[in-house]
N, C-alpha and C. Protein backbone atom coordinates (compact mmCIF):
# COMPACT_ATOMS: atom_id res chain seq x y z
N MET A 1 0.83 -1.17 0.00
CA MET A 1 0.00 0.00 0.00
C MET A 1 0.88 1.24 0.00
N LEU A 2 0.45 2.24 -0.74
CA LEU A 2 1.16 3.51 -0.74
C LEU A 2 0.51 4.46 0.26
N PHE A 3 1.33 5.28 0.88
CA PHE A 3 0.88 6.30 1.81
C PHE A 3 1.61 7.60 1.51
N ALA A 4 0.90 8.70 1.68
CA ALA A 4 1.51 10.03 1.58
C ALA A 4 1.60 10.61 2.98
N ILE A 5 2.79 11.06 3.32
CA ILE A 5 2.99 11.82 4.55
C ILE A 5 3.10 13.28 4.11
N HIS A 6 2.11 14.06 4.44
CA HIS A 6 2.05 15.47 4.06
C HIS A 6 2.22 16.28 5.33
N ALA A 7 3.33 16.98 5.45
CA ALA A 7 3.66 17.67 6.70
C ALA A 7 3.93 19.14 6.42
N LEU A 8 3.32 20.01 7.21
CA LEU A 8 3.50 21.45 7.06
C LEU A 8 4.23 22.04 8.27
N ASP A 9 5.16 22.93 7.99
CA ASP A 9 5.89 23.64 9.03
C ASP A 9 5.04 24.80 9.55
N PRO A 10 5.33 25.27 10.76
CA PRO A 10 4.69 26.51 11.21
C PRO A 10 5.24 27.68 10.39
N PRO A 11 4.55 28.81 10.38
CA PRO A 11 4.99 29.94 9.56
C PRO A 11 6.44 30.39 9.80
N ASP A 12 6.93 30.25 11.01
CA ASP A 12 8.30 30.69 11.33
C ASP A 12 9.26 29.51 11.49
N GLY A 13 9.00 28.41 10.79
CA GLY A 13 9.73 27.17 11.05
C GLY A 13 10.99 26.92 10.25
N LEU A 14 11.37 27.80 9.35
CA LEU A 14 12.51 27.51 8.47
C LEU A 14 13.81 27.29 9.24
N LYS A 15 14.07 28.11 10.25
CA LYS A 15 15.31 27.96 11.02
C LYS A 15 15.38 26.59 11.68
N ASN A 16 14.28 26.14 12.28
CA ASN A 16 14.24 24.82 12.92
C ASN A 16 14.42 23.72 11.88
N ARG A 17 13.78 23.86 10.72
CA ARG A 17 13.92 22.88 9.63
C ARG A 17 15.39 22.75 9.23
N LEU A 18 16.04 23.87 9.00
CA LEU A 18 17.43 23.84 8.56
C LEU A 18 18.34 23.23 9.63
N ALA A 19 18.03 23.47 10.90
CA ALA A 19 18.84 22.93 11.99
C ALA A 19 18.79 21.40 12.06
N HIS A 20 17.69 20.80 11.59
CA HIS A 20 17.52 19.35 11.69
C HIS A 20 17.54 18.64 10.34
N MET A 21 17.87 19.37 9.29
CA MET A 21 17.80 18.80 7.95
C MET A 21 18.73 17.60 7.74
N GLU A 22 19.96 17.69 8.19
CA GLU A 22 20.90 16.58 7.98
C GLU A 22 20.43 15.31 8.70
N ALA A 23 19.92 15.47 9.91
CA ALA A 23 19.42 14.31 10.65
C ALA A 23 18.19 13.72 9.95
N HIS A 24 17.33 14.57 9.44
CA HIS A 24 16.15 14.11 8.69
C HIS A 24 16.59 13.32 7.46
N ARG A 25 17.52 13.88 6.71
CA ARG A 25 18.01 13.20 5.50
C ARG A 25 18.66 11.86 5.83
N ALA A 26 19.34 11.79 6.95
CA ALA A 26 19.96 10.52 7.37
C ALA A 26 18.90 9.50 7.78
N HIS A 27 17.76 9.97 8.26
CA HIS A 27 16.68 9.07 8.67
C HIS A 27 15.99 8.40 7.48
N LEU A 28 15.81 9.12 6.40
CA LEU A 28 15.03 8.59 5.27
C LEU A 28 15.53 7.24 4.76
N PRO A 29 16.84 7.04 4.60
CA PRO A 29 17.30 5.71 4.13
C PRO A 29 17.09 4.57 5.12
N THR A 30 16.68 4.87 6.34
CA THR A 30 16.42 3.82 7.34
C THR A 30 14.98 3.31 7.26
N ALA A 31 14.23 3.74 6.27
CA ALA A 31 12.82 3.35 6.15
C ALA A 31 12.63 1.84 6.27
N GLY A 32 13.52 1.07 5.68
CA GLY A 32 13.42 -0.39 5.72
C GLY A 32 13.44 -0.95 7.13
N ASP A 33 14.10 -0.25 8.04
CA ASP A 33 14.13 -0.69 9.44
C ASP A 33 12.74 -0.67 10.08
N TYR A 34 11.82 0.08 9.47
CA TYR A 34 10.45 0.22 9.98
C TYR A 34 9.44 -0.55 9.12
N GLY A 35 9.96 -1.34 8.16
CA GLY A 35 9.08 -2.08 7.27
C GLY A 35 8.43 -1.21 6.20
N VAL A 36 9.10 -0.09 5.90
CA VAL A 36 8.59 0.89 4.95
C VAL A 36 9.59 1.05 3.82
N ALA A 37 9.09 1.24 2.60
CA ALA A 37 9.96 1.51 1.46
C ALA A 37 9.72 2.94 1.00
N LEU A 38 10.77 3.72 0.94
CA LEU A 38 10.67 5.10 0.50
C LEU A 38 10.48 5.12 -1.02
N VAL A 39 9.43 5.76 -1.49
CA VAL A 39 9.15 5.87 -2.92
C VAL A 39 9.70 7.20 -3.44
N MET A 40 9.38 8.28 -2.77
CA MET A 40 9.92 9.60 -3.12
C MET A 40 9.71 10.54 -1.95
N SER A 41 10.53 11.58 -1.92
CA SER A 41 10.38 12.57 -0.86
C SER A 41 10.97 13.89 -1.32
N GLY A 42 10.52 14.94 -0.69
CA GLY A 42 11.08 16.25 -0.99
C GLY A 42 10.33 17.33 -0.22
N PRO A 43 10.91 18.53 -0.22
CA PRO A 43 10.27 19.62 0.51
C PRO A 43 9.09 20.21 -0.26
N LEU A 44 8.09 20.62 0.47
CA LEU A 44 7.04 21.46 -0.09
C LEU A 44 7.57 22.88 -0.04
N VAL A 45 7.27 23.67 -1.05
CA VAL A 45 7.80 25.03 -1.10
C VAL A 45 6.67 26.05 -1.29
N ALA A 46 6.95 27.25 -0.86
CA ALA A 46 6.01 28.36 -1.01
C ALA A 46 5.88 28.72 -2.49
N ASP A 47 4.98 29.63 -2.78
CA ASP A 47 4.74 30.04 -4.16
C ASP A 47 5.96 30.66 -4.82
N ASP A 48 6.96 31.09 -4.03
CA ASP A 48 8.18 31.62 -4.63
C ASP A 48 9.04 30.53 -5.24
N GLY A 49 8.67 29.25 -4.99
CA GLY A 49 9.39 28.12 -5.57
C GLY A 49 10.66 27.75 -4.85
N GLU A 50 10.98 28.44 -3.77
CA GLU A 50 12.24 28.19 -3.07
C GLU A 50 12.11 27.98 -1.56
N THR A 51 11.26 28.75 -0.91
CA THR A 51 11.17 28.71 0.54
C THR A 51 10.46 27.42 0.99
N MET A 52 11.20 26.60 1.74
CA MET A 52 10.65 25.33 2.21
C MET A 52 9.60 25.57 3.30
N ILE A 53 8.44 24.94 3.14
CA ILE A 53 7.34 25.13 4.10
C ILE A 53 6.78 23.80 4.62
N GLY A 54 7.37 22.69 4.22
CA GLY A 54 6.87 21.40 4.66
C GLY A 54 7.55 20.27 3.92
N SER A 55 6.97 19.08 4.03
CA SER A 55 7.55 17.88 3.43
C SER A 55 6.45 17.02 2.83
N LEU A 56 6.79 16.35 1.73
CA LEU A 56 5.92 15.32 1.17
C LEU A 56 6.77 14.07 1.02
N ILE A 57 6.31 13.00 1.66
CA ILE A 57 7.04 11.73 1.63
C ILE A 57 6.04 10.66 1.20
N ILE A 58 6.36 9.96 0.12
CA ILE A 58 5.52 8.86 -0.36
C ILE A 58 6.25 7.57 -0.01
N VAL A 59 5.55 6.68 0.69
CA VAL A 59 6.15 5.41 1.10
C VAL A 59 5.22 4.26 0.73
N GLU A 60 5.81 3.09 0.64
CA GLU A 60 5.05 1.85 0.51
C GLU A 60 5.21 1.09 1.81
N ALA A 61 4.10 0.63 2.36
CA ALA A 61 4.15 -0.05 3.65
C ALA A 61 2.99 -1.04 3.74
N PRO A 62 3.14 -2.07 4.58
CA PRO A 62 2.07 -3.06 4.71
C PRO A 62 0.83 -2.50 5.41
N ASP A 63 1.03 -1.45 6.25
CA ASP A 63 -0.10 -0.89 6.98
C ASP A 63 0.27 0.50 7.51
N ARG A 64 -0.74 1.20 7.97
CA ARG A 64 -0.57 2.55 8.48
C ARG A 64 0.33 2.58 9.72
N ALA A 65 0.26 1.56 10.53
CA ALA A 65 1.06 1.52 11.76
C ALA A 65 2.55 1.62 11.46
N ALA A 66 3.00 0.94 10.41
CA ALA A 66 4.42 1.00 10.04
C ALA A 66 4.81 2.42 9.62
N VAL A 67 3.93 3.07 8.88
CA VAL A 67 4.19 4.45 8.45
C VAL A 67 4.25 5.38 9.66
N GLU A 68 3.35 5.19 10.59
CA GLU A 68 3.34 6.02 11.80
C GLU A 68 4.62 5.82 12.61
N ARG A 69 5.10 4.59 12.72
CA ARG A 69 6.37 4.33 13.44
C ARG A 69 7.53 5.04 12.76
N PHE A 70 7.60 4.91 11.43
CA PHE A 70 8.65 5.56 10.65
C PHE A 70 8.58 7.08 10.83
N ASN A 71 7.40 7.63 10.76
CA ASN A 71 7.23 9.07 10.88
C ASN A 71 7.58 9.58 12.28
N ARG A 72 7.14 8.86 13.31
CA ARG A 72 7.45 9.28 14.70
C ARG A 72 8.95 9.33 14.96
N ALA A 73 9.70 8.46 14.28
CA ALA A 73 11.15 8.41 14.48
C ALA A 73 11.90 9.49 13.69
N ASP A 74 11.22 10.17 12.80
CA ASP A 74 11.86 11.20 11.98
C ASP A 74 12.31 12.37 12.86
N PRO A 75 13.55 12.81 12.71
CA PRO A 75 14.03 13.95 13.49
C PRO A 75 13.17 15.21 13.32
N TYR A 76 12.55 15.39 12.16
CA TYR A 76 11.65 16.53 12.00
C TYR A 76 10.45 16.39 12.92
N ALA A 77 9.91 15.20 13.04
CA ALA A 77 8.77 14.98 13.94
C ALA A 77 9.20 15.16 15.40
N LYS A 78 10.34 14.59 15.75
CA LYS A 78 10.83 14.66 17.13
C LYS A 78 11.19 16.09 17.55
N SER A 79 11.61 16.91 16.59
CA SER A 79 12.09 18.25 16.91
C SER A 79 11.05 19.34 16.69
N GLY A 80 9.84 18.95 16.38
CA GLY A 80 8.78 19.93 16.21
C GLY A 80 8.90 20.77 14.95
N VAL A 81 9.60 20.26 13.94
CA VAL A 81 9.71 20.99 12.68
C VAL A 81 8.33 21.11 12.03
N TRP A 82 7.56 20.04 12.09
CA TRP A 82 6.24 20.04 11.46
C TRP A 82 5.17 20.46 12.46
N ALA A 83 4.32 21.38 12.04
CA ALA A 83 3.19 21.79 12.87
C ALA A 83 1.98 20.89 12.63
N GLN A 84 1.86 20.38 11.41
CA GLN A 84 0.73 19.52 11.04
C GLN A 84 1.26 18.36 10.21
N VAL A 85 0.77 17.17 10.48
CA VAL A 85 1.13 15.99 9.69
C VAL A 85 -0.13 15.21 9.38
N ALA A 86 -0.30 14.88 8.12
CA ALA A 86 -1.40 14.01 7.70
C ALA A 86 -0.80 12.80 6.99
N ILE A 87 -1.21 11.62 7.40
CA ILE A 87 -0.79 10.38 6.74
C ILE A 87 -2.04 9.80 6.08
N THR A 88 -1.95 9.65 4.76
CA THR A 88 -3.13 9.26 3.99
C THR A 88 -2.77 8.16 3.01
N ARG A 89 -3.64 7.15 2.89
CA ARG A 89 -3.44 6.13 1.84
C ARG A 89 -3.50 6.81 0.50
N PHE A 90 -2.72 6.28 -0.43
CA PHE A 90 -2.59 6.89 -1.74
C PHE A 90 -2.75 5.82 -2.80
N LEU A 91 -3.62 6.05 -3.76
CA LEU A 91 -3.81 5.13 -4.88
C LEU A 91 -3.14 5.72 -6.11
N ARG A 92 -2.09 5.06 -6.58
CA ARG A 92 -1.39 5.53 -7.77
C ARG A 92 -2.22 5.19 -9.00
N ARG A 93 -2.53 6.19 -9.77
CA ARG A 93 -3.28 6.00 -11.02
C ARG A 93 -2.36 6.12 -12.23
N GLN A 94 -1.44 7.06 -12.17
CA GLN A 94 -0.51 7.27 -13.28
C GLN A 94 0.85 7.59 -12.70
N GLY A 95 1.86 7.38 -13.51
CA GLY A 95 3.22 7.73 -13.10
C GLY A 95 3.95 6.64 -12.40
């Protein structure tokens, strides 16, 4: 099953994001340790096309619980980088 992790930073969150970025990037390749396969990931950006305002992570996992475990362990989640997180099943139609 595919899942989308859609996470938004608070309005003043860029400094905190940048402070934890390397740890977050190091966490992503550990997805397999949580029974999750990383499909794609990247920052969400403001309309200026540059300012990071959140994250979109697409994973394949046997169930939502595995995705939640992977997400809880993310340094961005642990450090309060994200103000809002939604984990949603995703049905790939194209691409």
